[in-house]
Amino acid sequence: MSAYETIRLDHEPSISWIVLNRPEAANALSPQLLGEFADALGKLRTEGAPVIGLRGEGRGFCSGMDLSAYGGSDTGPADPMIDQARLQDNVGRWLLMWDHPKPVIAAVHGYCMAAAAQMCVFSDITIVADDCRIGEPTIPIGGGFIAPTWVSLVGAKRAKEFAFVPGNWIDGPTAVEWGWANHSVPADHLLSSVRSLAERIALTPPDVLRLKKLSINRAAEAAGFKQALSGIAEIDALLHLAPAVLEVRARMKEQGLKAVIQQYKVAPTSPIVVPGD
């Protein structure tokens, strides 16, 4: 690919940005965007600045998967083998960041929902805006795919808290408290903060950075990071065929997506709100 339609590459001296560039669609992850994202990571292995930045154009980072591209409102059962392969391909794309020779910094503003909240786990460093929302899908028609990737960062109990409530979300300061993000900064300082960090990282020679990253990744993998990914595509594909999920998908087709979303709109669990306070 010589030119991209759904992402953009912005090169600066210390950082090359991969910009998710579908603001009219809330930067939803379409098949084309995912393909272009993987291609750009391949190019940046040998081209561009010593640090890679990942950000979204428009009001937010990313709203998650583009369900319209995957028949998200269809009621017919998906082919489980095709579904599993699609989900595994997504994990493979995120691992391109994990295994990349360059440090990858995610800059999250606005919203970071569903698959996007999984995507950022595979970056090396995550900087978030104070007022961002990092959330689960509102409609519970999948499971066992996003939150397990959080466990190595936030622990099992917080991953469960995040996953069990439909549409649950945390803000920037909570993401840092939990260990999902490195730093939370005012939204208008987000990009300048990432640039400043990239400039300091770039002082370390590229070969040294590559081996430092490899060494730390091996420690994380020895603790089970990649093993935790081994079954998530199968579990999610299996759940997509569950009668309860097919019933929700039937309601989505009959009542419309927005109406069903409203049926699952509840308050997030963090911070805990005590009635009467």
C-alpha atoms as a PDB file:
ATOM      1  CA  MET A   1       0.000   0.000   0.000  1.00  0.00           C
ATOM      2  CA  SER A   2       1.531   3.311  -1.031  1.00  0.00           C
ATOM      3  CA  ALA A   3      -1.362   5.451   0.199  1.00  0.00           C
ATOM      4  CA  TYR A   4      -3.824   4.911   3.013  1.00  0.00           C
ATOM      5  CA  GLU A   5      -7.504   5.816   3.161  1.00  0.00           C
ATOM      6  CA  THR A   6      -8.411   5.022   6.776  1.00  0.00           C
ATOM      7  CA  ILE A   7      -5.165   5.848   8.574  1.00  0.00           C
ATOM      8  CA  ARG A   8      -2.498   8.504   8.148  1.00  0.00           C
ATOM      9  CA  LEU A   9       1.229   8.509   8.827  1.00  0.00           C
ATOM     10  CA  ASP A  10       2.599  11.733  10.307  1.00  0.00           C
ATOM     11  CA  HIS A  11       6.384  11.752  10.651  1.00  0.00           C
ATOM     12  CA  GLU A  12       8.178  13.945  13.179  1.00  0.00           C
ATOM     13  CA  PRO A  13      11.869  13.840  14.178  1.00  0.00           C
ATOM     14  CA  SER A  14      11.375  11.619  17.239  1.00  0.00           C
ATOM     15  CA  ILE A  15       8.002  10.000  16.602  1.00  0.00           C
ATOM     16  CA  SER A  16       6.080   8.638  13.618  1.00  0.00           C
ATOM     17  CA  TRP A  17       2.337   8.743  14.240  1.00  0.00           C
ATOM     18  CA  ILE A  18      -0.130   6.160  13.010  1.00  0.00           C
ATOM     19  CA  VAL A  19      -3.344   8.187  13.049  1.00  0.00           C
ATOM     20  CA  LEU A  20      -6.671   6.344  12.964  1.00  0.00           C
ATOM     21  CA  ASN A  21      -8.378   8.551  10.406  1.00  0.00           C
ATOM     22  CA  ARG A  22     -12.089   7.720  10.208  1.00  0.00           C
ATOM     23  CA  PRO A  23     -13.469  10.522  12.389  1.00  0.00           C
ATOM     24  CA  GLU A  24     -16.848  10.370  10.623  1.00  0.00           C
ATOM     25  CA  ALA A  25     -17.148   6.767  11.878  1.00  0.00           C
ATOM     26  CA  ALA A  26     -15.606   7.386  15.322  1.00  0.00           C
ATOM     27  CA  ASN A  27     -12.438   5.685  14.018  1.00  0.00           C
ATOM     28  CA  ALA A  28     -14.201   2.321  14.120  1.00  0.00           C
ATOM     29  CA  LEU A  29     -11.929  -0.571  13.193  1.00  0.00           C
ATOM     30  CA  SER A  30     -13.021  -1.696   9.733  1.00  0.00           C
ATOM     31  CA  PRO A  31     -11.283  -4.512   7.826  1.00  0.00           C
ATOM     32  CA  GLN A  32      -9.624  -1.910   5.617  1.00  0.00           C
ATOM     33  CA  LEU A  33      -8.343   0.092   8.591  1.00  0.00           C
ATOM     34  CA  LEU A  34      -6.969  -3.034  10.250  1.00  0.00           C
ATOM     35  CA  GLY A  35      -5.183  -4.019   7.047  1.00  0.00           C
ATOM     36  CA  GLU A  36      -3.697  -0.566   6.604  1.00  0.00           C
ATOM     37  CA  PHE A  37      -2.684  -0.479  10.277  1.00  0.00           C
ATOM     38  CA  ALA A  38      -0.761  -3.742   9.921  1.00  0.00           C
ATOM     39  CA  ASP A  39       0.866  -2.554   6.700  1.00  0.00           C
ATOM     40  CA  ALA A  40       1.986   0.708   8.319  1.00  0.00           C
ATOM     41  CA  LEU A  41       3.555  -1.139  11.245  1.00  0.00           C
ATOM     42  CA  GLY A  42       5.481  -3.235   8.742  1.00  0.00           C
ATOM     43  CA  LYS A  43       6.799  -0.156   6.948  1.00  0.00           C
ATOM     44  CA  LEU A  44       7.798   1.508  10.200  1.00  0.00           C
ATOM     45  CA  ARG A  45      10.056  -1.371  11.153  1.00  0.00           C
ATOM     46  CA  THR A  46      12.707   0.144   8.872  1.00  0.00           C
ATOM     47  CA  GLU A  47      11.310   3.600   8.075  1.00  0.00           C
ATOM     48  CA  GLY A  48      10.343   6.672  10.072  1.00  0.00           C
ATOM     49  CA  ALA A  49      11.288   7.916  13.526  1.00  0.00           C
ATOM     50  CA  PRO A  50      12.708   5.827  16.380  1.00  0.00           C
ATOM     51  CA  VAL A  51       9.382   5.872  18.280  1.00  0.00           C
ATOM     52  CA  ILE A  52       5.883   5.077  17.004  1.00  0.00           C
ATOM     53  CA  GLY A  53       2.831   6.941  18.268  1.00  0.00           C
ATOM     54  CA  LEU A  54      -0.763   5.779  17.917  1.00  0.00           C
ATOM     55  CA  ARG A  55      -3.634   8.247  18.112  1.00  0.00           C
ATOM     56  CA  GLY A  56      -7.082   8.921  16.705  1.00  0.00           C
ATOM     57  CA  GLU A  57      -8.380  11.798  14.598  1.00  0.00           C
ATOM     58  CA  GLY A  58     -11.454  13.697  15.740  1.00  0.00           C
ATOM     59  CA  ARG A  59     -13.355  13.583  19.028  1.00  0.00           C
ATOM     60  CA  GLY A  60     -11.991  10.279  20.280  1.00  0.00           C
ATOM     61  CA  PHE A  61      -9.355   7.594  19.928  1.00  0.00           C
ATOM     62  CA  CYS A  62     -11.516   4.718  18.674  1.00  0.00           C
ATOM     63  CA  SER A  63     -15.031   3.357  19.207  1.00  0.00           C
ATOM     64  CA  GLY A  64     -14.030  -0.295  18.704  1.00  0.00           C
ATOM     65  CA  MET A  65     -14.874  -2.692  15.899  1.00  0.00           C
ATOM     66  CA  ASP A  66     -16.935  -1.470  12.962  1.00  0.00           C
ATOM     67  CA  LEU A  67     -19.890  -3.808  13.486  1.00  0.00           C
ATOM     68  CA  SER A  68     -21.488  -2.759  10.199  1.00  0.00           C
ATOM     69  CA  ALA A  69     -18.541  -4.352   8.393  1.00  0.00           C
ATOM     70  CA  TYR A  70     -19.011  -7.646  10.209  1.00  0.00           C
ATOM     71  CA  GLY A  71     -22.765  -8.076  10.058  1.00  0.00           C
ATOM     72  CA  GLY A  72     -23.106  -6.917  13.638  1.00  0.00           C
ATOM     73  CA  SER A  73     -26.901  -6.750  13.571  1.00  0.00           C
ATOM     74  CA  ASP A  74     -27.556 -10.007  11.677  1.00  0.00           C
ATOM     75  CA  THR A  75     -29.388 -12.722  13.605  1.00  0.00           C
ATOM     76  CA  GLY A  76     -28.117 -15.758  11.745  1.00  0.00           C
ATOM     77  CA  PRO A  77     -25.393 -17.739  13.500  1.00  0.00           C
ATOM     78  CA  ALA A  78     -21.893 -17.021  12.239  1.00  0.00           C
ATOM     79  CA  ASP A  79     -19.623 -19.770  11.007  1.00  0.00           C
ATOM     80  CA  PRO A  80     -17.599 -20.409  14.195  1.00  0.00           C
ATOM     81  CA  MET A  81     -14.435 -21.251  12.272  1.00  0.00           C
ATOM     82  CA  ILE A  82     -14.575 -18.020  10.269  1.00  0.00           C
ATOM     83  CA  ASP A  83     -15.438 -16.049  13.402  1.00  0.00           C
ATOM     84  CA  GLN A  84     -12.541 -17.562  15.343  1.00  0.00           C
ATOM     85  CA  ALA A  85     -10.100 -16.869  12.513  1.00  0.00           C
ATOM     86  CA  ARG A  86     -11.250 -13.236  12.303  1.00  0.00           C
ATOM     87  CA  LEU A  87     -10.805 -12.734  16.033  1.00  0.00           C
ATOM     88  CA  GLN A  88      -7.408 -14.434  16.021  1.00  0.00           C
ATOM     89  CA  ASP A  89      -6.317 -12.182  13.154  1.00  0.00           C
ATOM     90  CA  ASN A  90      -7.137  -9.159  15.311  1.00  0.00           C
ATOM     91  CA  VAL A  91      -4.944 -10.475  18.119  1.00  0.00           C
ATOM     92  CA  GLY A  92      -2.206 -11.041  15.545  1.00  0.00           C
ATOM     93  CA  ARG A  93      -2.384  -7.412  14.470  1.00  0.00           C
ATOM     94  CA  TRP A  94      -2.041  -6.191  18.058  1.00  0.00           C
ATOM     95  CA  LEU A  95       0.958  -8.479  18.509  1.00  0.00           C
ATOM     96  CA  LEU A  96       2.635  -6.613  15.662  1.00  0.00           C
ATOM     97  CA  MET A  97       2.928  -3.732  18.145  1.00  0.00           C
ATOM     98  CA  TRP A  98       4.123  -5.989  20.952  1.00  0.00           C
ATOM     99  CA  ASP A  99       6.799  -7.603  18.750  1.00  0.00           C
ATOM    100  CA  HIS A 100       7.755  -4.399  16.911  1.00  0.00           C
ATOM    101  CA  PRO A 101      11.428  -3.404  17.213  1.00  0.00           C
ATOM    102  CA  LYS A 102      10.434   0.189  18.073  1.00  0.00           C
ATOM    103  CA  PRO A 103       8.662   1.459  21.199  1.00  0.00           C
ATOM    104  CA  VAL A 104       4.960   2.122  20.586  1.00  0.00           C
ATOM    105  CA  ILE A 105       3.148   4.825  22.584  1.00  0.00           C
ATOM    106  CA  ALA A 106      -0.667   5.020  22.506  1.00  0.00           C
ATOM    107  CA  ALA A 107      -2.169   8.485  23.048  1.00  0.00           C
ATOM    108  CA  VAL A 108      -5.809   8.103  24.097  1.00  0.00           C
ATOM    109  CA  HIS A 109      -8.333  10.931  24.116  1.00  0.00           C
ATOM    110  CA  GLY A 110     -12.104  11.145  24.114  1.00  0.00           C
ATOM    111  CA  TYR A 111     -13.225   7.529  23.981  1.00  0.00           C
ATOM    112  CA  CYS A 112     -11.449   4.179  23.729  1.00  0.00           C
ATOM    113  CA  MET A 113     -14.083   1.488  23.551  1.00  0.00           C
ATOM    114  CA  ALA A 114     -14.315  -2.289  23.226  1.00  0.00           C
ATOM    115  CA  ALA A 115     -11.614  -3.641  20.867  1.00  0.00           C
ATOM    116  CA  ALA A 116      -9.731  -0.340  21.146  1.00  0.00           C
ATOM    117  CA  ALA A 117      -9.422  -0.960  24.904  1.00  0.00           C
ATOM    118  CA  GLN A 118      -7.804  -4.270  23.980  1.00  0.00           C
ATOM    119  CA  MET A 119      -5.614  -2.741  21.283  1.00  0.00           C
ATOM    120  CA  CYS A 120      -3.850  -0.352  23.667  1.00  0.00           C
ATOM    121  CA  VAL A 121      -2.784  -3.202  25.964  1.00  0.00           C
ATOM    122  CA  PHE A 122      -0.270  -4.222  23.289  1.00  0.00           C
ATOM    123  CA  SER A 123       1.406  -0.828  23.075  1.00  0.00           C
ATOM    124  CA  ASP A 124       4.519  -0.340  25.170  1.00  0.00           C
ATOM    125  CA  ILE A 125       3.356   2.832  26.907  1.00  0.00           C
ATOM    126  CA  THR A 126      -0.116   4.375  27.137  1.00  0.00           C
ATOM    127  CA  ILE A 127      -0.775   8.027  27.914  1.00  0.00           C
ATOM    128  CA  VAL A 128      -4.407   9.043  28.413  1.00  0.00           C
ATOM    129  CA  ALA A 129      -6.354  12.266  28.701  1.00  0.00           C
ATOM    130  CA  ASP A 130      -7.887  12.876  32.120  1.00  0.00           C
ATOM    131  CA  ASP A 131     -11.411  13.016  30.691  1.00  0.00           C
ATOM    132  CA  CYS A 132     -11.226  10.014  28.367  1.00  0.00           C
ATOM    133  CA  ARG A 133     -13.530   6.999  28.687  1.00  0.00           C
ATOM    134  CA  ILE A 134     -12.088   3.511  28.314  1.00  0.00           C
ATOM    135  CA  GLY A 135     -14.947   1.088  28.090  1.00  0.00           C
ATOM    136  CA  GLU A 136     -16.539  -2.284  27.468  1.00  0.00           C
ATOM    137  CA  PRO A 137     -19.147  -2.813  24.706  1.00  0.00           C
ATOM    138  CA  THR A 138     -22.547  -1.640  25.902  1.00  0.00           C
ATOM    139  CA  ILE A 139     -24.432  -4.617  24.456  1.00  0.00           C
ATOM    140  CA  PRO A 140     -23.218  -7.926  25.994  1.00  0.00           C
ATOM    141  CA  ILE A 141     -22.995 -10.115  22.902  1.00  0.00           C
ATOM    142  CA  GLY A 142     -19.340 -11.106  23.246  1.00  0.00           C
ATOM    143  CA  GLY A 143     -17.115 -12.144  26.044  1.00  0.00           C
ATOM    144  CA  GLY A 144     -13.820 -13.555  27.113  1.00  0.00           C
ATOM    145  CA  PHE A 145     -11.975 -11.561  24.451  1.00  0.00           C
ATOM    146  CA  ILE A 146     -11.134  -8.071  25.733  1.00  0.00           C
ATOM    147  CA  ALA A 147     -10.839  -8.257  29.516  1.00  0.00           C
ATOM    148  CA  PRO A 148      -8.465 -11.273  29.636  1.00  0.00           C
ATOM    149  CA  THR A 149      -5.854  -9.145  27.880  1.00  0.00           C
ATOM    150  CA  TRP A 150      -6.155  -6.667  30.782  1.00  0.00           C
ATOM    151  CA  VAL A 151      -5.247  -9.172  33.484  1.00  0.00           C
ATOM    152  CA  SER A 152      -1.485  -8.744  33.184  1.00  0.00           C
ATOM    153  CA  LEU A 153      -1.918  -4.989  33.691  1.00  0.00           C
ATOM    154  CA  VAL A 154      -4.766  -4.589  36.187  1.00  0.00           C
ATOM    155  CA  GLY A 155      -5.147  -8.027  37.801  1.00  0.00           C
ATOM    156  CA  ALA A 156      -7.968 -10.536  37.567  1.00  0.00           C
ATOM    157  CA  LYS A 157     -10.368  -8.843  39.993  1.00  0.00           C
ATOM    158  CA  ARG A 158     -10.310  -5.498  38.223  1.00  0.00           C
ATOM    159  CA  ALA A 159     -10.546  -7.174  34.824  1.00  0.00           C
ATOM    160  CA  LYS A 160     -13.667  -8.953  36.073  1.00  0.00           C
ATOM    161  CA  GLU A 161     -15.139  -5.730  37.449  1.00  0.00           C
ATOM    162  CA  PHE A 162     -14.523  -4.104  34.094  1.00  0.00           C
ATOM    163  CA  ALA A 163     -16.073  -6.970  32.115  1.00  0.00           C
ATOM    164  CA  PHE A 164     -19.093  -8.022  34.134  1.00  0.00           C
ATOM    165  CA  VAL A 165     -21.143  -4.781  33.800  1.00  0.00           C
ATOM    166  CA  PRO A 166     -22.403  -3.899  30.289  1.00  0.00           C
ATOM    167  CA  GLY A 167     -20.762  -0.750  28.988  1.00  0.00           C
ATOM    168  CA  ASN A 168     -18.540  -0.396  32.058  1.00  0.00           C
ATOM    169  CA  TRP A 169     -15.878   2.277  31.717  1.00  0.00           C
ATOM    170  CA  ILE A 170     -13.036   3.973  33.545  1.00  0.00           C
ATOM    171  CA  ASP A 171     -11.572   7.448  33.159  1.00  0.00           C
ATOM    172  CA  GLY A 172      -7.959   8.484  32.688  1.00  0.00           C
ATOM    173  CA  PRO A 173      -6.916   8.776  36.350  1.00  0.00           C
ATOM    174  CA  THR A 174      -8.565   5.424  37.144  1.00  0.00           C
ATOM    175  CA  ALA A 175      -6.741   3.814  34.198  1.00  0.00           C
ATOM    176  CA  VAL A 176      -3.449   4.921  35.764  1.00  0.00           C
ATOM    177  CA  GLU A 177      -4.494   3.809  39.258  1.00  0.00           C
ATOM    178  CA  TRP A 178      -5.400   0.374  37.886  1.00  0.00           C
ATOM    179  CA  GLY A 179      -2.152   0.070  35.904  1.00  0.00           C
ATOM    180  CA  TRP A 180      -3.742   0.092  32.440  1.00  0.00           C
ATOM    181  CA  ALA A 181      -2.082   3.419  31.540  1.00  0.00           C
ATOM    182  CA  ASN A 182       1.217   5.058  32.481  1.00  0.00           C
ATOM    183  CA  HIS A 183       0.119   8.664  32.854  1.00  0.00           C
ATOM    184  CA  SER A 184      -3.070  10.740  32.732  1.00  0.00           C
ATOM    185  CA  VAL A 185      -2.745  14.343  31.576  1.00  0.00           C
ATOM    186  CA  PRO A 186      -5.075  17.219  30.629  1.00  0.00           C
ATOM    187  CA  ALA A 187      -6.528  16.604  27.177  1.00  0.00           C
ATOM    188  CA  ASP A 188      -4.906  19.697  25.694  1.00  0.00           C
ATOM    189  CA  HIS A 189      -1.474  18.465  26.867  1.00  0.00           C
ATOM    190  CA  LEU A 190      -1.820  14.902  25.587  1.00  0.00           C
ATOM    191  CA  LEU A 191       0.102  15.119  22.323  1.00  0.00           C
ATOM    192  CA  SER A 192       2.775  17.434  23.696  1.00  0.00           C
ATOM    193  CA  SER A 193       3.312  15.010  26.592  1.00  0.00           C
ATOM    194  CA  VAL A 194       3.734  12.076  24.205  1.00  0.00           C
ATOM    195  CA  ARG A 195       6.098  14.084  21.999  1.00  0.00           C
ATOM    196  CA  SER A 196       8.195  15.036  25.025  1.00  0.00           C
ATOM    197  CA  LEU A 197       8.420  11.411  26.117  1.00  0.00           C
ATOM    198  CA  ALA A 198       9.314  10.283  22.583  1.00  0.00           C
ATOM    199  CA  GLU A 199      12.110  12.852  22.396  1.00  0.00           C
ATOM    200  CA  ARG A 200      13.650  11.483  25.587  1.00  0.00           C
ATOM    201  CA  ILE A 201      13.240   7.858  24.507  1.00  0.00           C
ATOM    202  CA  ALA A 202      14.886   8.673  21.162  1.00  0.00           C
ATOM    203  CA  LEU A 203      18.121   9.562  22.988  1.00  0.00           C
ATOM    204  CA  THR A 204      18.657   5.828  23.505  1.00  0.00           C
ATOM    205  CA  PRO A 205      20.173   4.180  20.385  1.00  0.00           C
ATOM    206  CA  PRO A 206      17.616   2.144  18.358  1.00  0.00           C
ATOM    207  CA  ASP A 207      19.456  -1.168  18.818  1.00  0.00           C
ATOM    208  CA  VAL A 208      19.518  -0.646  22.568  1.00  0.00           C
ATOM    209  CA  LEU A 209      15.808   0.200  22.607  1.00  0.00           C
ATOM    210  CA  ARG A 210      15.006  -2.921  20.592  1.00  0.00           C
ATOM    211  CA  LEU A 211      16.844  -5.209  23.001  1.00  0.00           C
ATOM    212  CA  LYS A 212      15.465  -3.478  26.110  1.00  0.00           C
ATOM    213  CA  LYS A 213      11.940  -3.988  24.742  1.00  0.00           C
ATOM    214  CA  LEU A 214      12.657  -7.601  23.825  1.00  0.00           C
ATOM    215  CA  SER A 215      14.029  -8.346  27.292  1.00  0.00           C
ATOM    216  CA  ILE A 216      11.036  -6.833  29.090  1.00  0.00           C
ATOM    217  CA  ASN A 217       8.605  -8.578  26.739  1.00  0.00           C
ATOM    218  CA  ARG A 218      10.254 -11.914  27.462  1.00  0.00           C
ATOM    219  CA  ALA A 219       9.758 -11.321  31.170  1.00  0.00           C
ATOM    220  CA  ALA A 220       6.067 -10.545  30.590  1.00  0.00           C
ATOM    221  CA  GLU A 221       5.689 -13.602  28.367  1.00  0.00           C
ATOM    222  CA  ALA A 222       7.354 -15.804  30.981  1.00  0.00           C
ATOM    223  CA  ALA A 223       4.665 -14.576  33.376  1.00  0.00           C
ATOM    224  CA  GLY A 224       1.996 -15.765  30.933  1.00  0.00           C
ATOM    225  CA  PHE A 225       1.109 -12.761  28.761  1.00  0.00           C
ATOM    226  CA  LYS A 226       0.934 -14.637  25.453  1.00  0.00           C
ATOM    227  CA  GLN A 227      -0.470 -17.780  27.038  1.00  0.00           C
ATOM    228  CA  ALA A 228      -3.428 -15.714  28.244  1.00  0.00           C
ATOM    229  CA  LEU A 229      -4.210 -14.908  24.606  1.00  0.00           C
ATOM    230  CA  SER A 230      -4.271 -18.514  23.459  1.00  0.00           C
ATOM    231  CA  GLY A 231      -7.973 -19.225  23.923  1.00  0.00           C
ATOM    232  CA  ILE A 232      -9.724 -15.872  23.789  1.00  0.00           C
ATOM    233  CA  ALA A 233     -10.717 -16.069  20.105  1.00  0.00           C
ATOM    234  CA  GLU A 234     -12.251 -19.531  20.580  1.00  0.00           C
ATOM    235  CA  ILE A 235     -14.200 -18.494  23.685  1.00  0.00           C
ATOM    236  CA  ASP A 236     -15.575 -15.373  22.004  1.00  0.00           C
ATOM    237  CA  ALA A 237     -16.552 -17.264  18.836  1.00  0.00           C
ATOM    238  CA  LEU A 238     -18.306 -19.906  20.945  1.00  0.00           C
ATOM    239  CA  LEU A 239     -20.233 -17.298  22.904  1.00  0.00           C
ATOM    240  CA  HIS A 240     -21.440 -15.671  19.679  1.00  0.00           C
ATOM    241  CA  LEU A 241     -23.494 -18.842  19.090  1.00  0.00           C
ATOM    242  CA  ALA A 242     -25.069 -18.949  22.564  1.00  0.00           C
ATOM    243  CA  PRO A 243     -28.912 -18.770  22.543  1.00  0.00           C
ATOM    244  CA  ALA A 244     -28.898 -15.759  24.883  1.00  0.00           C
ATOM    245  CA  VAL A 245     -26.600 -13.866  22.529  1.00  0.00           C
ATOM    246  CA  LEU A 246     -28.655 -14.792  19.468  1.00  0.00           C
ATOM    247  CA  GLU A 247     -31.727 -13.477  21.294  1.00  0.00           C
ATOM    248  CA  VAL A 248     -30.023 -10.116  21.902  1.00  0.00           C
ATOM    249  CA  ARG A 249     -28.960  -9.949  18.260  1.00  0.00           C
ATOM    250  CA  ALA A 250     -32.556 -10.641  17.214  1.00  0.00           C
ATOM    251  CA  ARG A 251     -33.675  -7.700  19.360  1.00  0.00           C
ATOM    252  CA  MET A 252     -31.025  -5.537  17.726  1.00  0.00           C
ATOM    253  CA  LYS A 253     -32.483  -6.340  14.319  1.00  0.00           C
ATOM    254  CA  GLU A 254     -36.098  -5.876  15.435  1.00  0.00           C
ATOM    255  CA  GLN A 255     -35.749  -2.797  17.654  1.00  0.00           C
ATOM    256  CA  GLY A 256     -32.620  -1.144  16.267  1.00  0.00           C
ATOM    257  CA  LEU A 257     -29.154  -0.761  17.746  1.00  0.00           C
ATOM    258  CA  LYS A 258     -29.835   2.463  19.659  1.00  0.00           C
ATOM    259  CA  ALA A 259     -32.933   1.072  21.386  1.00  0.00           C
ATOM    260  CA  VAL A 260     -31.091  -2.019  22.594  1.00  0.00           C
ATOM    261  CA  ILE A 261     -28.140   0.061  23.787  1.00  0.00           C
ATOM    262  CA  GLN A 262     -30.519   2.034  25.991  1.00  0.00           C
ATOM    263  CA  GLN A 263     -31.691  -1.197  27.637  1.00  0.00           C
ATOM    264  CA  TYR A 264     -28.156  -1.806  28.884  1.00  0.00           C
ATOM    265  CA  LYS A 265     -27.214   1.748  29.889  1.00  0.00           C
ATOM    266  CA  VAL A 266     -26.094   1.651  33.516  1.00  0.00           C
ATOM    267  CA  ALA A 267     -23.619   3.556  35.668  1.00  0.00           C
ATOM    268  CA  PRO A 268     -19.997   2.405  35.618  1.00  0.00           C
ATOM    269  CA  THR A 269     -18.573   0.649  38.664  1.00  0.00           C
ATOM    270  CA  SER A 270     -15.567   2.920  39.152  1.00  0.00           C
ATOM    271  CA  PRO A 271     -15.792   5.018  41.188  1.00  0.00           C
ATOM    272  CA  ILE A 272     -18.359   3.109  43.232  1.00  0.00           C
ATOM    273  CA  VAL A 273     -21.419   5.265  43.877  1.00  0.00           C
ATOM    274  CA  VAL A 274     -23.120   4.666  47.243  1.00  0.00           C
ATOM    275  CA  PRO A 275     -26.882   5.409  47.183  1.00  0.00           C
ATOM    276  CA  GLY A 276     -27.663   8.499  49.215  1.00  0.00           C
ATOM    277  CA  ASP A 277     -24.183  10.027  48.938  1.00  0.00           C
END
